[in-house]
Amino acid sequence: MDTALVLIRHGLTDWNLAGRLQGRTDIPLNDTGRGQARGVGRELVGQGFSLILASPLGRAQETAALIAEELNAETGQPVPDLIERGFGPLEGRIMAEVSDEESVSLQSQLEPIDDILRRAIPALIDLSVEHAGKKVAVVSHGATMRAIRDALAGTKLPRGVENGEIIQINIQRLNELAEELDLVSC
């Protein structure tokens, strides 16, 4: 079997529903989010996924556990480098209430996209090497996944990443991206 790696966004939370930026605040799944997680698990049945990992945040860990339960798969240690983007002073804010001017003025206090890529891309490569020949799913977060997805695509795509969305990772392209971003250790 070839190595396969997918990213899955955690299920819905009450803060997602309200349009509130969670960032690294550890907000739990709501019932809809739990249903989404189980639905993702059912969608992956029969595809050979044997390991479900997640960022250390509770909403990602619970999503992974629910998916693993549906698949009768194992879970493993948290993957800290796939945690959500740090949103600084915007964390906990409802984005519809933040003016464009305020958003722009606070950009320097948010975790830069380049920093997300510098932590996430090597982590994904390490997982693909460590679990060679296996199918592994990793539950992560919207902003982190969007940064990875857009970098792999080579363009900023116009939409975000939905709760429960699955993104297939092309491991060859992942390695090429690591070289392009000079993330390959000598």
Protein backbone atom coordinates (compact mmCIF):
# COMPACT_ATOMS: atom_id res chain seq x y z
CA MET A 1 0.00 0.00 0.00
CA ASP A 2 1.22 3.50 -0.80
CA THR A 3 1.56 6.08 1.91
CA ALA A 4 -1.45 8.38 2.12
CA LEU A 5 -1.94 11.45 4.23
CA VAL A 6 -5.07 13.55 4.66
CA LEU A 7 -5.88 16.59 6.76
CA ILE A 8 -9.34 16.90 8.28
CA ARG A 9 -10.74 20.03 9.86
CA HIS A 10 -12.27 19.45 13.28
CA GLY A 11 -16.04 19.47 13.70
CA LEU A 12 -18.13 22.53 14.44
CA THR A 13 -17.94 24.42 17.75
CA ASP A 14 -20.23 27.09 19.15
CA TRP A 15 -17.52 29.66 18.41
CA ASN A 16 -17.43 28.55 14.74
CA LEU A 17 -21.18 28.99 14.65
CA ALA A 18 -20.89 32.53 16.03
CA GLY A 19 -18.07 33.48 13.62
CA ARG A 20 -15.71 33.90 16.57
CA LEU A 21 -11.98 33.31 15.98
CA GLN A 22 -10.90 30.41 18.19
CA GLY A 23 -7.22 30.28 17.44
CA ARG A 24 -5.58 28.34 20.24
CA THR A 25 -8.43 28.81 22.72
CA ASP A 26 -9.56 25.30 23.56
CA ILE A 27 -13.25 25.39 22.65
CA PRO A 28 -15.07 21.99 22.62
CA LEU A 29 -17.08 20.51 19.79
CA ASN A 30 -20.82 21.00 19.88
CA ASP A 31 -23.30 18.23 19.02
CA THR A 32 -23.29 19.20 15.34
CA GLY A 33 -19.48 18.97 15.35
CA ARG A 34 -19.61 15.52 16.90
CA GLY A 35 -22.04 14.44 14.18
CA GLN A 36 -19.71 15.88 11.53
CA ALA A 37 -16.79 13.93 12.99
CA ARG A 38 -18.74 10.68 12.93
CA GLY A 39 -19.83 11.49 9.36
CA VAL A 40 -16.22 11.95 8.27
CA GLY A 41 -15.41 8.62 9.87
CA ARG A 42 -18.22 6.92 7.95
CA GLU A 43 -17.01 8.61 4.74
CA LEU A 44 -13.54 7.13 5.25
CA VAL A 45 -14.75 3.57 5.99
CA GLY A 46 -13.17 1.06 3.64
CA GLN A 47 -10.37 3.40 2.54
CA GLY A 48 -7.72 1.75 4.73
CA PHE A 49 -7.02 4.49 7.27
CA SER A 50 -5.36 2.86 10.28
CA LEU A 51 -4.21 5.87 12.31
CA ILE A 52 -5.99 9.10 13.19
CA LEU A 53 -3.86 11.86 14.73
CA ALA A 54 -4.71 15.41 15.77
CA SER A 55 -3.47 18.75 16.98
CA PRO A 56 -3.34 18.94 20.80
CA LEU A 57 -6.48 21.10 21.08
CA GLY A 58 -9.52 19.33 22.52
CA ARG A 59 -11.80 19.95 19.52
CA ALA A 60 -9.27 18.26 17.23
CA GLN A 61 -8.59 15.42 19.68
CA GLU A 62 -12.32 14.70 20.10
CA THR A 63 -12.85 14.80 16.33
CA ALA A 64 -9.99 12.32 15.86
CA ALA A 65 -11.36 9.99 18.53
CA LEU A 66 -14.84 9.98 16.96
CA ILE A 67 -13.41 9.34 13.48
CA ALA A 68 -11.20 6.54 14.82
CA GLU A 69 -14.19 4.98 16.55
CA GLU A 70 -16.10 4.84 13.24
CA LEU A 71 -13.07 3.31 11.49
CA ASN A 72 -11.96 1.02 14.30
CA ALA A 73 -8.58 2.75 13.87
CA GLU A 74 -5.94 3.79 16.36
CA THR A 75 -5.26 7.27 17.64
CA GLY A 76 -1.81 8.49 18.62
CA GLN A 77 0.11 11.25 20.30
CA PRO A 78 -0.90 14.86 19.52
CA VAL A 79 0.84 16.62 16.64
CA PRO A 80 1.70 20.03 18.15
CA ASP A 81 2.92 21.56 14.88
CA LEU A 82 -0.57 21.23 13.37
CA ILE A 83 -2.20 23.41 16.02
CA GLU A 84 -4.31 26.36 14.89
CA ARG A 85 -2.81 29.67 13.85
CA GLY A 86 -2.20 32.08 16.69
CA PHE A 87 -4.59 35.02 16.20
CA GLY A 88 -3.21 37.23 18.97
CA PRO A 89 -5.63 40.01 19.99
CA LEU A 90 -8.24 38.83 17.46
CA GLU A 91 -8.65 35.51 19.25
CA GLY A 92 -12.14 35.28 20.70
CA ARG A 93 -13.45 38.14 18.57
CA ILE A 94 -16.39 37.88 16.19
CA MET A 95 -14.84 38.75 12.84
CA ALA A 96 -17.96 40.48 11.50
CA GLU A 97 -17.48 43.02 14.31
CA VAL A 98 -13.82 43.74 13.47
CA SER A 99 -13.35 46.62 11.04
CA ASP A 100 -11.02 46.26 8.06
CA GLU A 101 -8.82 48.98 9.57
CA GLU A 102 -8.53 47.17 12.91
CA SER A 103 -7.84 43.87 11.18
CA VAL A 104 -5.04 45.43 9.13
CA SER A 105 -3.57 47.21 12.16
CA LEU A 106 -3.39 43.92 14.11
CA GLN A 107 -1.88 41.77 11.33
CA SER A 108 1.63 42.06 12.79
CA GLN A 109 0.38 40.42 16.00
CA LEU A 110 -0.98 37.33 14.24
CA GLU A 111 1.14 34.26 13.58
CA PRO A 112 2.56 34.77 10.08
CA ILE A 113 1.59 32.29 7.36
CA ASP A 114 5.28 31.56 6.76
CA ASP A 115 5.61 30.47 10.40
CA ILE A 116 2.64 28.13 10.03
CA LEU A 117 4.27 26.56 6.98
CA ARG A 118 7.68 26.30 8.71
CA ARG A 119 6.11 24.24 11.49
CA ALA A 120 3.42 22.30 9.61
CA ILE A 121 5.18 21.19 6.41
CA PRO A 122 8.10 19.44 8.19
CA ALA A 123 5.64 17.83 10.62
CA LEU A 124 3.62 16.39 7.73
CA ILE A 125 6.77 15.15 6.01
CA ASP A 126 7.90 13.50 9.25
CA LEU A 127 4.52 11.78 9.56
CA SER A 128 4.70 10.51 5.97
CA VAL A 129 8.14 9.04 6.65
CA GLU A 130 7.32 7.65 10.09
CA HIS A 131 4.14 5.98 8.80
CA ALA A 132 5.39 4.97 5.34
CA GLY A 133 3.06 2.51 3.66
CA LYS A 134 0.10 3.49 5.85
CA LYS A 135 -2.94 5.71 5.44
CA VAL A 136 -2.94 8.39 8.12
CA ALA A 137 -5.46 11.15 8.80
CA VAL A 138 -4.56 14.21 10.86
CA VAL A 139 -7.23 16.45 12.37
CA SER A 140 -6.22 20.10 12.32
CA HIS A 141 -7.77 23.57 12.04
CA GLY A 142 -9.16 25.92 9.40
CA ALA A 143 -6.46 28.59 9.16
CA THR A 144 -3.60 26.12 9.45
CA MET A 145 -5.12 23.85 6.82
CA ARG A 146 -5.86 26.76 4.51
CA ALA A 147 -2.22 27.88 4.68
CA ILE A 148 -1.04 24.36 3.82
CA ARG A 149 -3.64 23.85 1.08
CA ASP A 150 -2.89 27.19 -0.58
CA ALA A 151 0.88 26.66 -0.39
CA LEU A 152 0.55 23.23 -1.99
CA ALA A 153 -1.70 24.70 -4.71
CA GLY A 154 0.71 27.60 -5.28
CA THR A 155 -2.11 30.14 -5.02
CA LYS A 156 -4.47 31.59 -2.44
CA LEU A 157 -7.78 29.91 -3.06
CA PRO A 158 -10.89 32.08 -2.51
CA ARG A 159 -12.58 29.96 0.13
CA GLY A 160 -11.74 28.73 3.59
CA VAL A 161 -11.76 25.15 4.87
CA GLU A 162 -15.11 23.90 6.16
CA ASN A 163 -15.61 21.96 9.39
CA GLY A 164 -15.20 18.27 8.60
CA GLU A 165 -13.54 18.98 5.24
CA ILE A 166 -10.94 16.44 4.08
CA ILE A 167 -7.87 17.59 2.17
CA GLN A 168 -5.75 15.00 0.39
CA ILE A 169 -2.03 15.70 0.71
CA ASN A 170 0.12 14.96 -2.32
CA ILE A 171 3.30 13.78 -0.58
CA GLN A 172 5.50 14.39 -3.62
CA ARG A 173 4.23 17.99 -3.84
CA LEU A 174 4.69 18.33 -0.06
CA ASN A 175 8.37 17.43 -0.42
CA GLU A 176 8.77 19.79 -3.38
CA LEU A 177 7.20 22.59 -1.33
CA ALA A 178 9.61 21.90 1.53
CA GLU A 179 12.50 22.33 -0.89
CA GLU A 180 10.99 25.50 -2.39
CA LEU A 181 10.59 27.00 1.09
CA ASP A 182 14.06 25.81 2.10
CA LEU A 183 12.63 23.65 4.88
CA VAL A 184 14.75 20.61 4.03
CA SER A 185 17.42 19.90 6.60
CA CYS A 186 20.87 19.12 5.26
